Amino acid sequence: MEHRAIGSLSVSVVGLGCNQLGTKSCDDATSARVVGEALDRGITFFDTSDEYGRDYAQPDDLSGWGRSEELLGRALAGHRDQVVIASKFGPIGQVRDGVDETGLDQVRSRASAEGVRMAVEESLSRLGTDRIDLYQLHFPDPRYPIEETLTVLDELVQEGKVREIGCANFTGASLHEAAAAADKAGVGRFSSVQNHYNLLQRRQLEDALPVCDELGLAFLPYYPLASGVLTGKYRRDEPVPAGSRLADQVSDELRSRMLSDRVYQRLDALTAWAHDRGHELLDLAFAWLLGQPRVASVISGASKPAQVAANAAAGAWILTPAEVTEVTALVSSVS
């Protein structure tokens, strides 16, 4: 599998998003098989978070906190030097007016120097490793100056506990602010940003991606398959499959927006384009993202080994710049 750079790291162009490990849809035994399938398929980049493994439908329930890291660490035992592990820390969900949406105000949920140091030690222990290759601020945290977060992250790099630092869910403006703050403080900048980006959610084309070009950041798209919508498994006028993410992890209102008539029109157009070239919709979802130079790896979650195999295979289709532009125009033209 092709590899690309995130700072000093070399990562497979298809990564495994580990947000499903340890959840109801992916128990301990299945989690081990999912990670094993990823290794067998040449995936070397594994992205998790300290909060992954909890019940996402119950945001106040933190009983599964850290479960994904624990299971990932066990599954990667014996492979540590062959893989790149990314994890995240920071606020539990978005922060509004200085308070977590969950109403919780725990040290572990903060981007303060104290919170970061607590979080990294807990994550290192759960992962069973002495370093985290890419350590990412999960969400901006307005309660603490970004200089404070960047400074403690730089200290962790100097101590060898972290190799590269990144962020997630940052706007282009926030990326500029963070870069300026790092330069002023004389510490390292973020090497990457991980944002929601796929064929149906293309806001990053006008926001974060141009800033990544300017600052030399690697871009990591998450939800590349739009929670499964871009796999083709959801059909117009058919019930949502039981056990799927849209059945179990989103509200009725959000599901109706994600599967609107307009979305189905776009899916029809994209599917036809892919079929004309001997590929499936899922293949196109990956190829379009990887056709953009700043994209280092496409992070896709999986709760079954077969999903990992399909995602890994999709990473082999290479689109030309002209084809990327054509697909963008195609999906944008559907009103």
Protein backbone atom coordinates (compact mmCIF):
# COMPACT_ATOMS: atom_id res chain seq x y z
CA MET A 1 0.00 0.00 0.00
CA GLU A 2 1.19 3.53 -0.77
CA HIS A 3 2.50 5.62 2.13
CA ARG A 4 2.47 9.39 2.64
CA ALA A 5 4.01 11.74 5.20
CA ILE A 6 2.69 13.38 8.34
CA GLY A 7 5.69 15.34 9.48
CA SER A 8 8.39 12.74 10.13
CA LEU A 9 5.89 9.87 10.06
CA SER A 10 5.13 7.59 7.11
CA VAL A 11 1.54 6.34 7.10
CA SER A 12 -0.51 4.06 4.88
CA VAL A 13 -2.92 5.97 2.64
CA VAL A 14 -5.79 4.00 4.17
CA GLY A 15 -5.94 4.17 7.95
CA LEU A 16 -8.14 2.35 10.44
CA GLY A 17 -10.40 4.58 12.50
CA CYS A 18 -10.78 2.83 15.84
CA ASN A 19 -13.88 4.61 17.11
CA GLN A 20 -15.93 1.41 16.89
CA LEU A 21 -13.52 -0.82 18.84
CA GLY A 22 -15.08 -1.92 22.11
CA THR A 23 -18.56 -0.64 21.30
CA LYS A 24 -21.77 -2.65 21.07
CA SER A 25 -21.24 -3.07 17.33
CA CYS A 26 -17.66 -4.33 17.72
CA ASP A 27 -16.98 -6.46 20.81
CA ASP A 28 -13.55 -7.45 22.08
CA ALA A 29 -13.10 -10.50 19.87
CA THR A 30 -14.33 -8.70 16.75
CA SER A 31 -12.10 -5.73 17.54
CA ALA A 32 -9.06 -8.01 17.52
CA ARG A 33 -10.11 -9.46 14.17
CA VAL A 34 -10.67 -5.99 12.71
CA VAL A 35 -7.16 -4.85 13.69
CA GLY A 36 -5.69 -8.14 12.48
CA GLU A 37 -7.38 -7.73 9.11
CA ALA A 38 -5.98 -4.21 8.84
CA LEU A 39 -2.45 -5.47 9.46
CA ASP A 40 -2.91 -8.26 6.91
CA ARG A 41 -4.10 -5.71 4.31
CA GLY A 42 -1.08 -3.46 4.71
CA ILE A 43 -2.70 -0.79 6.87
CA THR A 44 -0.10 0.68 9.23
CA PHE A 45 -1.93 3.77 10.50
CA PHE A 46 -4.34 3.37 13.43
CA ASP A 47 -6.30 6.34 14.76
CA THR A 48 -8.00 6.24 18.15
CA SER A 49 -8.88 8.59 21.02
CA ASP A 50 -9.03 8.48 24.79
CA GLU A 51 -12.83 8.77 24.65
CA TYR A 52 -13.42 6.03 22.04
CA GLY A 53 -15.20 2.88 23.14
CA ARG A 54 -18.02 4.55 25.06
CA ASP A 55 -21.68 4.44 24.09
CA TYR A 56 -22.01 7.36 21.64
CA ALA A 57 -25.79 7.29 21.91
CA GLN A 58 -25.44 8.05 25.65
CA PRO A 59 -23.05 11.02 25.87
CA ASP A 60 -23.22 11.18 29.67
CA ASP A 61 -22.11 7.54 30.02
CA LEU A 62 -18.31 7.42 30.20
CA SER A 63 -18.08 3.79 31.32
CA GLY A 64 -16.37 2.81 28.06
CA TRP A 65 -13.80 5.62 28.25
CA GLY A 66 -10.43 4.38 26.93
CA ARG A 67 -11.75 1.00 25.81
CA SER A 68 -10.66 1.49 22.20
CA GLU A 69 -7.09 2.31 23.23
CA GLU A 70 -6.94 -0.76 25.46
CA LEU A 71 -8.15 -3.11 22.72
CA LEU A 72 -5.93 -1.51 20.08
CA GLY A 73 -2.87 -1.83 22.29
CA ARG A 74 -3.55 -5.52 22.86
CA ALA A 75 -4.18 -6.22 19.18
CA LEU A 76 -0.97 -4.46 18.12
CA ALA A 77 1.23 -6.29 20.62
CA GLY A 78 4.23 -7.58 18.71
CA HIS A 79 3.69 -5.10 15.86
CA ARG A 80 4.47 -1.82 17.60
CA ASP A 81 7.52 -0.91 15.53
CA GLN A 82 5.69 -1.59 12.26
CA VAL A 83 2.73 0.70 12.87
CA VAL A 84 1.88 4.35 13.49
CA ILE A 85 -0.50 5.00 16.39
CA ALA A 86 -2.48 8.23 16.55
CA SER A 87 -4.60 9.17 19.53
CA LYS A 88 -6.46 12.25 20.73
CA PHE A 89 -7.20 14.18 23.90
CA GLY A 90 -9.20 17.26 24.79
CA PRO A 91 -12.76 18.33 25.45
CA ILE A 92 -15.47 15.71 25.60
CA GLY A 93 -17.39 16.85 22.55
CA GLN A 94 -17.78 20.44 21.48
CA VAL A 95 -17.39 23.25 24.01
CA ARG A 96 -19.94 26.04 24.27
CA ASP A 97 -19.47 29.02 26.59
CA GLY A 98 -16.69 27.25 28.42
CA VAL A 99 -18.77 24.21 29.40
CA ASP A 100 -18.74 20.76 27.86
CA GLU A 101 -21.99 19.77 26.15
CA THR A 102 -22.04 16.81 28.52
CA GLY A 103 -22.04 19.18 31.49
CA LEU A 104 -18.87 17.46 32.71
CA ASP A 105 -15.83 19.45 33.78
CA GLN A 106 -13.09 16.89 34.37
CA VAL A 107 -9.36 17.52 34.25
CA ARG A 108 -9.03 14.73 31.71
CA SER A 109 -11.36 16.57 29.36
CA ARG A 110 -9.28 19.75 29.20
CA ALA A 111 -6.55 21.05 26.93
CA SER A 112 -4.69 22.62 29.85
CA ALA A 113 -1.08 21.66 30.58
CA GLU A 114 -2.26 19.60 33.55
CA GLY A 115 -5.03 17.95 31.54
CA VAL A 116 -2.74 17.07 28.62
CA ARG A 117 -0.13 15.49 30.89
CA MET A 118 -2.77 13.43 32.67
CA ALA A 119 -4.33 12.37 29.38
CA VAL A 120 -1.09 11.30 27.71
CA GLU A 121 -0.01 9.14 30.65
CA GLU A 122 -3.40 7.42 30.73
CA SER A 123 -3.33 6.83 26.97
CA LEU A 124 0.24 5.47 27.03
CA SER A 125 -0.77 3.04 29.75
CA ARG A 126 -3.90 1.86 27.95
CA LEU A 127 -2.07 1.47 24.64
CA GLY A 128 0.81 -0.39 26.32
CA THR A 129 3.44 1.71 24.58
CA ASP A 130 6.15 4.23 25.45
CA ARG A 131 5.19 6.77 22.77
CA ILE A 132 2.25 8.00 20.75
CA ASP A 133 3.26 8.70 17.17
CA LEU A 134 0.65 11.38 16.46
CA TYR A 135 -1.02 13.07 19.43
CA GLN A 136 -3.97 15.28 18.50
CA LEU A 137 -6.10 17.91 20.21
CA HIS A 138 -9.55 16.49 19.51
CA PHE A 139 -11.47 19.79 19.52
CA PRO A 140 -10.48 23.42 20.06
CA ASP A 141 -10.82 24.27 23.76
CA PRO A 142 -11.50 27.99 24.29
CA ARG A 143 -11.05 27.60 28.06
CA TYR A 144 -7.27 27.49 27.61
CA PRO A 145 -4.88 29.51 25.42
CA ILE A 146 -3.66 27.47 22.46
CA GLU A 147 -0.12 28.51 23.47
CA GLU A 148 -0.51 26.52 26.70
CA THR A 149 -1.59 23.39 24.83
CA LEU A 150 1.13 23.70 22.20
CA THR A 151 3.83 24.29 24.81
CA VAL A 152 3.02 21.17 26.80
CA LEU A 153 2.77 19.15 23.58
CA ASP A 154 6.21 20.39 22.57
CA GLU A 155 7.54 19.27 25.95
CA LEU A 156 6.08 15.80 25.36
CA VAL A 157 7.85 15.64 22.00
CA GLN A 158 11.15 16.61 23.64
CA GLU A 159 10.58 13.92 26.27
CA GLY A 160 10.00 11.28 23.59
CA LYS A 161 6.45 10.47 24.68
CA VAL A 162 5.03 11.94 21.45
CA ARG A 163 6.58 12.06 17.97
CA GLU A 164 4.30 14.47 16.08
CA ILE A 165 1.38 16.65 17.17
CA GLY A 166 -1.86 17.38 15.37
CA CYS A 167 -5.34 18.75 15.84
CA ALA A 168 -8.87 17.89 14.77
CA ASN A 169 -12.03 19.85 14.01
CA PHE A 170 -10.10 23.10 13.46
CA THR A 171 -11.19 25.74 10.97
CA GLY A 172 -8.74 27.40 8.62
CA ALA A 173 -8.75 30.47 10.85
CA SER A 174 -7.97 28.33 13.91
CA LEU A 175 -5.08 26.71 12.08
CA HIS A 176 -3.63 30.13 11.30
CA GLU A 177 -4.04 31.16 14.94
CA ALA A 178 -2.33 27.99 16.18
CA ALA A 179 0.61 28.38 13.79
CA ALA A 180 1.13 32.00 14.86
CA ALA A 181 0.92 31.02 18.53
CA ALA A 182 3.50 28.24 18.09
CA ASP A 183 5.91 30.59 16.34
CA LYS A 184 5.50 33.23 19.04
CA ALA A 185 6.11 30.70 21.80
CA GLY A 186 9.03 29.11 19.97
CA VAL A 187 7.49 25.64 19.98
CA GLY A 188 6.54 23.15 17.30
CA ARG A 189 3.49 23.63 15.10
CA PHE A 190 0.79 21.10 14.44
CA SER A 191 1.79 18.65 11.69
CA SER A 192 -1.74 17.64 10.72
CA VAL A 193 -5.41 18.42 11.00
CA GLN A 194 -8.21 15.83 11.04
CA ASN A 195 -11.60 17.11 9.89
CA HIS A 196 -14.95 15.81 8.64
CA TYR A 197 -14.60 15.61 4.86
CA ASN A 198 -16.07 13.46 2.10
CA LEU A 199 -17.80 13.70 -1.27
CA LEU A 200 -21.01 14.87 0.39
CA GLN A 201 -19.39 17.22 2.90
CA ARG A 202 -16.92 19.36 0.95
CA ARG A 203 -16.67 22.48 3.10
CA GLN A 204 -12.99 21.80 3.75
CA LEU A 205 -12.20 22.55 0.11
CA GLU A 206 -12.77 26.23 0.85
CA ASP A 207 -11.70 26.31 4.47
CA ALA A 208 -8.98 24.10 5.98
CA LEU A 209 -7.41 22.61 2.86
CA PRO A 210 -6.11 25.91 1.40
CA VAL A 211 -4.56 26.67 4.80
CA CYS A 212 -2.95 23.22 4.82
CA ASP A 213 -1.33 24.11 1.49
CA GLU A 214 -0.11 27.39 2.93
CA LEU A 215 1.22 25.97 6.20
CA GLY A 216 2.41 22.58 4.92
CA LEU A 217 -0.01 20.56 7.04
CA ALA A 218 -1.12 17.02 6.30
CA PHE A 219 -4.90 16.62 6.10
CA LEU A 220 -6.71 13.57 7.52
CA PRO A 221 -10.36 13.20 6.49
CA TYR A 222 -12.65 11.35 8.85
CA TYR A 223 -16.11 10.00 7.98
CA PRO A 224 -14.88 9.46 4.39
CA LEU A 225 -17.90 7.26 3.71
CA ALA A 226 -20.41 9.62 5.35
CA SER A 227 -21.30 7.06 8.04
CA GLY A 228 -21.78 4.40 5.36
CA VAL A 229 -23.88 6.49 2.96
CA LEU A 230 -21.09 6.35 0.36
CA THR A 231 -20.86 2.56 0.50
CA GLY A 232 -24.10 2.14 -1.44
CA LYS A 233 -25.70 0.00 1.28
CA TYR A 234 -28.53 2.48 1.90
CA ARG A 235 -31.25 2.32 -0.75
CA ARG A 236 -34.02 4.74 -1.59
CA ASP A 237 -37.42 3.62 -0.24
CA GLU A 238 -35.85 0.75 1.74
CA PRO A 239 -35.48 0.49 5.54
CA VAL A 240 -32.11 1.37 7.01
CA PRO A 241 -30.29 -1.94 7.70
CA ALA A 242 -30.46 -3.05 11.34
CA GLY A 243 -27.16 -2.74 13.15
CA SER A 244 -25.83 -0.05 10.81
CA ARG A 245 -24.41 3.22 12.16
CA LEU A 246 -27.37 5.21 10.84
CA ALA A 247 -29.73 2.83 12.58
CA ASP A 248 -27.99 2.80 15.95
CA GLN A 249 -25.97 5.98 16.40
CA VAL A 250 -27.87 8.92 14.89
CA SER A 251 -31.21 10.58 15.54
CA ASP A 252 -34.22 10.20 13.25
CA GLU A 253 -33.89 13.85 12.20
CA LEU A 254 -30.21 13.53 11.27
CA ARG A 255 -30.85 10.25 9.45
CA SER A 256 -33.53 11.87 7.30
CA ARG A 257 -31.12 14.66 6.31
CA MET A 258 -28.33 12.23 5.54
CA LEU A 259 -30.63 10.16 3.35
CA SER A 260 -32.61 12.93 1.68
CA ASP A 261 -33.78 12.78 -1.93
CA ARG A 262 -31.02 15.21 -2.88
CA VAL A 263 -28.42 12.89 -1.34
CA TYR A 264 -29.81 9.93 -3.27
CA GLN A 265 -29.61 11.93 -6.51
CA ARG A 266 -25.95 12.60 -5.82
CA LEU A 267 -25.34 8.96 -4.99
CA ASP A 268 -26.93 7.89 -8.27
CA ALA A 269 -24.69 10.24 -10.27
CA LEU A 270 -21.52 9.20 -8.43
CA THR A 271 -22.34 5.51 -8.67
CA ALA A 272 -22.88 5.77 -12.41
CA TRP A 273 -19.54 7.58 -12.83
CA ALA A 274 -17.72 4.88 -10.86
CA HIS A 275 -19.47 1.99 -12.67
CA ASP A 276 -18.53 3.45 -16.05
CA ARG A 277 -14.91 3.00 -14.97
CA GLY A 278 -15.30 -0.47 -13.49
CA HIS A 279 -15.46 0.59 -9.83
CA GLU A 280 -17.93 0.87 -6.99
CA LEU A 281 -19.12 3.97 -5.14
CA LEU A 282 -16.97 3.11 -2.11
CA ASP A 283 -13.87 3.01 -4.32
CA LEU A 284 -14.67 6.47 -5.65
CA ALA A 285 -15.12 7.89 -2.15
CA PHE A 286 -11.55 6.90 -1.28
CA ALA A 287 -10.02 7.72 -4.66
CA TRP A 288 -11.46 11.24 -4.72
CA LEU A 289 -10.00 12.01 -1.30
CA LEU A 290 -6.62 10.47 -2.10
CA GLY A 291 -6.52 12.42 -5.35
CA GLN A 292 -5.92 15.54 -3.26
CA PRO A 293 -2.21 15.99 -2.45
CA ARG A 294 -2.61 17.26 1.13
CA VAL A 295 -4.57 14.16 2.14
CA ALA A 296 -2.08 11.87 3.88
CA SER A 297 -4.41 9.03 4.87
CA VAL A 298 -8.12 8.33 4.68
CA ILE A 299 -9.31 7.27 8.13
CA SER A 300 -12.28 4.97 8.01
CA GLY A 301 -13.89 3.18 10.92
CA ALA A 302 -14.91 -0.46 10.70
CA SER A 303 -16.82 -2.87 12.88
CA LYS A 304 -16.26 -5.93 10.68
CA PRO A 305 -13.12 -7.39 9.06
CA ALA A 306 -14.81 -7.39 5.64
CA GLN A 307 -15.23 -3.63 5.84
CA VAL A 308 -11.50 -3.25 6.47
CA ALA A 309 -10.71 -5.39 3.42
CA ALA A 310 -13.00 -3.32 1.20
CA ASN A 311 -11.55 -0.04 2.45
CA ALA A 312 -7.97 -1.21 1.93
CA ALA A 313 -8.74 -2.31 -1.63
CA ALA A 314 -10.42 1.03 -2.39
CA GLY A 315 -7.17 2.85 -1.68
CA ALA A 316 -5.59 1.37 -4.80
CA TRP A 317 -7.65 3.38 -7.32
CA ILE A 318 -5.75 6.47 -8.45
CA LEU A 319 -7.59 9.39 -10.03
CA THR A 320 -5.91 12.01 -12.18
CA PRO A 321 -6.22 15.68 -11.09
CA ALA A 322 -8.62 16.18 -14.00
CA GLU A 323 -10.80 13.30 -12.79
CA VAL A 324 -10.84 14.70 -9.25
CA THR A 325 -12.04 18.02 -10.65
CA GLU A 326 -14.65 16.27 -12.79
CA VAL A 327 -16.07 14.34 -9.83
CA THR A 328 -16.19 17.49 -7.70
CA ALA A 329 -18.09 19.30 -10.43
CA LEU A 330 -20.43 16.31 -10.86
CA VAL A 331 -21.48 16.09 -7.23
CA SER A 332 -21.73 19.86 -6.94
CA SER A 333 -24.03 20.09 -9.96
CA VAL A 334 -26.79 17.95 -8.43
CA SER A 335 -29.25 20.42 -6.89
